[in-house]
Amino acid sequence: MDWKTNTPAFIKFLRDHQCPSFLEYGEYPYFTSDEIKKALKIKAALSEMLEQMQ
């Protein structure tokens, strides 16, 4: 009841009632993280190439 003033009790409550996550959020659900990393590397390389051309 006193969660606003009793911070340690609130933290203990949260930790006692924490459940393990069985689901991960994905911004791009149809792409793997490796594909996203590869696309970001390609984008960075293209940006660098365009900067050098100017």
PDB file of N, CA and C in Angstrom:
ATOM      1  N   MET A   1       0.813  -1.211   0.000  1.00  0.00           N
ATOM      2  CA  MET A   1       0.000   0.000   0.000  1.00  0.00           C
ATOM      3  C   MET A   1       0.850   1.267   0.000  1.00  0.00           C
ATOM      4  N   ASP A   2       2.060   1.178   0.561  1.00  0.00           N
ATOM      5  CA  ASP A   2       2.899   2.379   0.636  1.00  0.00           C
ATOM      6  C   ASP A   2       4.030   2.338  -0.396  1.00  0.00           C
ATOM      7  N   TRP A   3       3.712   1.918  -1.592  1.00  0.00           N
ATOM      8  CA  TRP A   3       4.736   1.746  -2.618  1.00  0.00           C
ATOM      9  C   TRP A   3       5.393   3.055  -3.036  1.00  0.00           C
ATOM     10  N   LYS A   4       4.711   4.157  -2.840  1.00  0.00           N
ATOM     11  CA  LYS A   4       5.282   5.448  -3.229  1.00  0.00           C
ATOM     12  C   LYS A   4       6.371   5.904  -2.265  1.00  0.00           C
ATOM     13  N   THR A   5       6.273   5.503  -1.010  1.00  0.00           N
ATOM     14  CA  THR A   5       7.241   5.965  -0.018  1.00  0.00           C
ATOM     15  C   THR A   5       8.222   4.884   0.407  1.00  0.00           C
ATOM     16  N   ASN A   6       7.876   3.620   0.205  1.00  0.00           N
ATOM     17  CA  ASN A   6       8.733   2.514   0.637  1.00  0.00           C
ATOM     18  C   ASN A   6       9.353   1.847  -0.596  1.00  0.00           C
ATOM     19  N   THR A   7      10.385   2.473  -1.118  1.00  0.00           N
ATOM     20  CA  THR A   7      11.010   1.994  -2.355  1.00  0.00           C
ATOM     21  C   THR A   7      11.560   0.573  -2.237  1.00  0.00           C
ATOM     22  N   PRO A   8      12.279   0.204  -1.170  1.00  0.00           N
ATOM     23  CA  PRO A   8      12.786  -1.174  -1.089  1.00  0.00           C
ATOM     24  C   PRO A   8      11.675  -2.228  -1.108  1.00  0.00           C
ATOM     25  N   ALA A   9      10.552  -1.934  -0.472  1.00  0.00           N
ATOM     26  CA  ALA A   9       9.440  -2.880  -0.477  1.00  0.00           C
ATOM     27  C   ALA A   9       8.851  -3.012  -1.882  1.00  0.00           C
ATOM     28  N   PHE A  10       8.785  -1.902  -2.605  1.00  0.00           N
ATOM     29  CA  PHE A  10       8.271  -1.928  -3.967  1.00  0.00           C
ATOM     30  C   PHE A  10       9.188  -2.745  -4.879  1.00  0.00           C
ATOM     31  N   ILE A  11      10.481  -2.544  -4.742  1.00  0.00           N
ATOM     32  CA  ILE A  11      11.447  -3.307  -5.540  1.00  0.00           C
ATOM     33  C   ILE A  11      11.340  -4.792  -5.209  1.00  0.00           C
ATOM     34  N   LYS A  12      11.215  -5.122  -3.930  1.00  0.00           N
ATOM     35  CA  LYS A  12      11.081  -6.521  -3.531  1.00  0.00           C
ATOM     36  C   LYS A  12       9.811  -7.129  -4.122  1.00  0.00           C
ATOM     37  N   PHE A  13       8.716  -6.378  -4.110  1.00  0.00           N
ATOM     38  CA  PHE A  13       7.465  -6.862  -4.690  1.00  0.00           C
ATOM     39  C   PHE A  13       7.640  -7.170  -6.176  1.00  0.00           C
ATOM     40  N   LEU A  14       8.272  -6.243  -6.905  1.00  0.00           N
ATOM     41  CA  LEU A  14       8.478  -6.453  -8.339  1.00  0.00           C
ATOM     42  C   LEU A  14       9.336  -7.687  -8.605  1.00  0.00           C
ATOM     43  N   ARG A  15      10.406  -7.838  -7.844  1.00  0.00           N
ATOM     44  CA  ARG A  15      11.292  -8.983  -8.054  1.00  0.00           C
ATOM     45  C   ARG A  15      10.615 -10.296  -7.673  1.00  0.00           C
ATOM     46  N   ASP A  16       9.789 -10.273  -6.631  1.00  0.00           N
ATOM     47  CA  ASP A  16       9.081 -11.490  -6.215  1.00  0.00           C
ATOM     48  C   ASP A  16       8.029 -11.914  -7.228  1.00  0.00           C
ATOM     49  N   HIS A  17       7.476 -10.957  -7.972  1.00  0.00           N
ATOM     50  CA  HIS A  17       6.402 -11.252  -8.917  1.00  0.00           C
ATOM     51  C   HIS A  17       6.844 -11.204 -10.380  1.00  0.00           C
ATOM     52  N   GLN A  18       8.146 -11.142 -10.598  1.00  0.00           N
ATOM     53  CA  GLN A  18       8.668 -11.100 -11.960  1.00  0.00           C
ATOM     54  C   GLN A  18       8.534 -12.464 -12.625  1.00  0.00           C
ATOM     55  N   CYS A  19       8.136 -12.475 -13.875  1.00  0.00           N
ATOM     56  CA  CYS A  19       8.009 -13.712 -14.647  1.00  0.00           C
ATOM     57  C   CYS A  19       9.005 -13.684 -15.796  1.00  0.00           C
ATOM     58  N   PRO A  20       9.580 -14.821 -16.126  1.00  0.00           N
ATOM     59  CA  PRO A  20      10.501 -14.833 -17.265  1.00  0.00           C
ATOM     60  C   PRO A  20       9.755 -14.561 -18.571  1.00  0.00           C
ATOM     61  N   SER A  21      10.417 -13.863 -19.451  1.00  0.00           N
ATOM     62  CA  SER A  21       9.807 -13.514 -20.729  1.00  0.00           C
ATOM     63  C   SER A  21       9.893 -14.697 -21.688  1.00  0.00           C
ATOM     64  N   PHE A  22       8.815 -14.961 -22.393  1.00  0.00           N
ATOM     65  CA  PHE A  22       8.805 -16.028 -23.379  1.00  0.00           C
ATOM     66  C   PHE A  22       8.666 -15.458 -24.786  1.00  0.00           C
ATOM     67  N   LEU A  23       8.656 -14.148 -24.905  1.00  0.00           N
ATOM     68  CA  LEU A  23       8.427 -13.500 -26.182  1.00  0.00           C
ATOM     69  C   LEU A  23       9.364 -12.318 -26.324  1.00  0.00           C
ATOM     70  N   GLU A  24       9.936 -12.174 -27.496  1.00  0.00           N
ATOM     71  CA  GLU A  24      10.781 -11.024 -27.763  1.00  0.00           C
ATOM     72  C   GLU A  24      10.107 -10.143 -28.791  1.00  0.00           C
ATOM     73  N   TYR A  25      10.244  -8.853 -28.612  1.00  0.00           N
ATOM     74  CA  TYR A  25       9.660  -7.887 -29.547  1.00  0.00           C
ATOM     75  C   TYR A  25      10.602  -7.707 -30.722  1.00  0.00           C
ATOM     76  N   GLY A  26      10.047  -7.646 -31.911  1.00  0.00           N
ATOM     77  CA  GLY A  26      10.855  -7.398 -33.090  1.00  0.00           C
ATOM     78  C   GLY A  26      10.246  -6.309 -33.948  1.00  0.00           C
ATOM     79  N   GLU A  27      11.022  -5.276 -34.218  1.00  0.00           N
ATOM     80  CA  GLU A  27      10.542  -4.179 -35.051  1.00  0.00           C
ATOM     81  C   GLU A  27      10.361  -4.633 -36.497  1.00  0.00           C
ATOM     82  N   TYR A  28      11.217  -5.568 -36.925  1.00  0.00           N
ATOM     83  CA  TYR A  28      11.170  -6.097 -38.284  1.00  0.00           C
ATOM     84  C   TYR A  28      10.921  -7.601 -38.198  1.00  0.00           C
ATOM     85  N   PRO A  29       9.679  -8.036 -38.126  1.00  0.00           N
ATOM     86  CA  PRO A  29       9.377  -9.442 -37.830  1.00  0.00           C
ATOM     87  C   PRO A  29       9.784 -10.435 -38.912  1.00  0.00           C
ATOM     88  N   TYR A  30       9.992  -9.992 -40.145  1.00  0.00           N
ATOM     89  CA  TYR A  30      10.305 -10.940 -41.216  1.00  0.00           C
ATOM     90  C   TYR A  30      11.785 -10.982 -41.568  1.00  0.00           C
ATOM     91  N   PHE A  31      12.622 -10.323 -40.784  1.00  0.00           N
ATOM     92  CA  PHE A  31      14.055 -10.291 -41.052  1.00  0.00           C
ATOM     93  C   PHE A  31      14.816 -10.742 -39.816  1.00  0.00           C
ATOM     94  N   THR A  32      15.919 -11.440 -40.037  1.00  0.00           N
ATOM     95  CA  THR A  32      16.755 -11.862 -38.923  1.00  0.00           C
ATOM     96  C   THR A  32      17.654 -10.697 -38.504  1.00  0.00           C
ATOM     97  N   SER A  33      18.211 -10.797 -37.327  1.00  0.00           N
ATOM     98  CA  SER A  33      19.107  -9.739 -36.856  1.00  0.00           C
ATOM     99  C   SER A  33      20.353  -9.667 -37.741  1.00  0.00           C
ATOM    100  N   ASP A  34      20.802 -10.812 -38.269  1.00  0.00           N
ATOM    101  CA  ASP A  34      21.967 -10.800 -39.161  1.00  0.00           C
ATOM    102  C   ASP A  34      21.663 -10.036 -40.451  1.00  0.00           C
ATOM    103  N   GLU A  35      20.459 -10.200 -40.985  1.00  0.00           N
ATOM    104  CA  GLU A  35      20.081  -9.476 -42.201  1.00  0.00           C
ATOM    105  C   GLU A  35      20.010  -7.974 -41.940  1.00  0.00           C
ATOM    106  N   ILE A  36      19.516  -7.596 -40.784  1.00  0.00           N
ATOM    107  CA  ILE A  36      19.426  -6.176 -40.436  1.00  0.00           C
ATOM    108  C   ILE A  36      20.824  -5.584 -40.276  1.00  0.00           C
ATOM    109  N   LYS A  37      21.720  -6.323 -39.605  1.00  0.00           N
ATOM    110  CA  LYS A  37      23.094  -5.846 -39.438  1.00  0.00           C
ATOM    111  C   LYS A  37      23.781  -5.694 -40.795  1.00  0.00           C
ATOM    112  N   LYS A  38      23.558  -6.649 -41.687  1.00  0.00           N
ATOM    113  CA  LYS A  38      24.156  -6.581 -43.021  1.00  0.00           C
ATOM    114  C   LYS A  38      23.633  -5.361 -43.778  1.00  0.00           C
ATOM    115  N   ALA A  39      22.337  -5.119 -43.703  1.00  0.00           N
ATOM    116  CA  ALA A  39      21.747  -3.961 -44.378  1.00  0.00           C
ATOM    117  C   ALA A  39      22.309  -2.657 -43.818  1.00  0.00           C
ATOM    118  N   LEU A  40      22.523  -2.592 -42.509  1.00  0.00           N
ATOM    119  CA  LEU A  40      23.085  -1.375 -41.911  1.00  0.00           C
ATOM    120  C   LEU A  40      24.532  -1.160 -42.355  1.00  0.00           C
ATOM    121  N   LYS A  41      25.287  -2.254 -42.498  1.00  0.00           N
ATOM    122  CA  LYS A  41      26.664  -2.129 -42.987  1.00  0.00           C
ATOM    123  C   LYS A  41      26.684  -1.637 -44.428  1.00  0.00           C
ATOM    124  N   ILE A  42      25.782  -2.157 -45.249  1.00  0.00           N
ATOM    125  CA  ILE A  42      25.696  -1.723 -46.648  1.00  0.00           C
ATOM    126  C   ILE A  42      25.320  -0.252 -46.717  1.00  0.00           C
ATOM    127  N   LYS A  43      24.371   0.161 -45.899  1.00  0.00           N
ATOM    128  CA  LYS A  43      23.952   1.562 -45.877  1.00  0.00           C
ATOM    129  C   LYS A  43      25.113   2.464 -45.485  1.00  0.00           C
ATOM    130  N   ALA A  44      25.872   2.045 -44.475  1.00  0.00           N
ATOM    131  CA  ALA A  44      27.019   2.848 -44.040  1.00  0.00           C
ATOM    132  C   ALA A  44      28.067   2.932 -45.144  1.00  0.00           C
ATOM    133  N   ALA A  45      28.310   1.823 -45.830  1.00  0.00           N
ATOM    134  CA  ALA A  45      29.298   1.821 -46.909  1.00  0.00           C
ATOM    135  C   ALA A  45      28.850   2.721 -48.059  1.00  0.00           C
ATOM    136  N   LEU A  46      27.573   2.663 -48.422  1.00  0.00           N
ATOM    137  CA  LEU A  46      27.061   3.513 -49.487  1.00  0.00           C
ATOM    138  C   LEU A  46      27.128   4.995 -49.102  1.00  0.00           C
ATOM    139  N   SER A  47      26.812   5.295 -47.858  1.00  0.00           N
ATOM    140  CA  SER A  47      26.886   6.688 -47.389  1.00  0.00           C
ATOM    141  C   SER A  47      28.319   7.199 -47.467  1.00  0.00           C
ATOM    142  N   GLU A  48      29.249   6.354 -47.049  1.00  0.00           N
ATOM    143  CA  GLU A  48      30.669   6.752 -47.090  1.00  0.00           C
ATOM    144  C   GLU A  48      31.105   6.964 -48.543  1.00  0.00           C
ATOM    145  N   MET A  49      30.685   6.080 -49.443  1.00  0.00           N
ATOM    146  CA  MET A  49      31.061   6.207 -50.841  1.00  0.00           C
ATOM    147  C   MET A  49      30.503   7.505 -51.429  1.00  0.00           C
ATOM    148  N   LEU A  50      29.242   7.828 -51.115  1.00  0.00           N
ATOM    149  CA  LEU A  50      28.660   9.060 -51.615  1.00  0.00           C
ATOM    150  C   LEU A  50      29.356  10.300 -51.061  1.00  0.00           C
ATOM    151  N   GLU A  51      29.775  10.245 -49.824  1.00  0.00           N
ATOM    152  CA  GLU A  51      30.489  11.367 -49.240  1.00  0.00           C
ATOM    153  C   GLU A  51      31.836  11.571 -49.923  1.00  0.00           C
ATOM    154  N   GLN A  52      32.493  10.472 -50.265  1.00  0.00           N
ATOM    155  CA  GLN A  52      33.802  10.583 -50.921  1.00  0.00           C
ATOM    156  C   GLN A  52      33.657  11.106 -52.350  1.00  0.00           C
ATOM    157  N   MET A  53      32.525  10.876 -52.984  1.00  0.00           N
ATOM    158  CA  MET A  53      32.322  11.338 -54.355  1.00  0.00           C
ATOM    159  C   MET A  53      32.083  12.840 -54.409  1.00  0.00           C
ATOM    160  N   GLN A  54      31.683  13.456 -53.308  1.00  0.00           N
ATOM    161  CA  GLN A  54      31.372  14.889 -53.317  1.00  0.00           C
ATOM    162  C   GLN A  54      32.615  15.725 -53.218  1.00  0.00           C
TER     163      GLN A  54
END
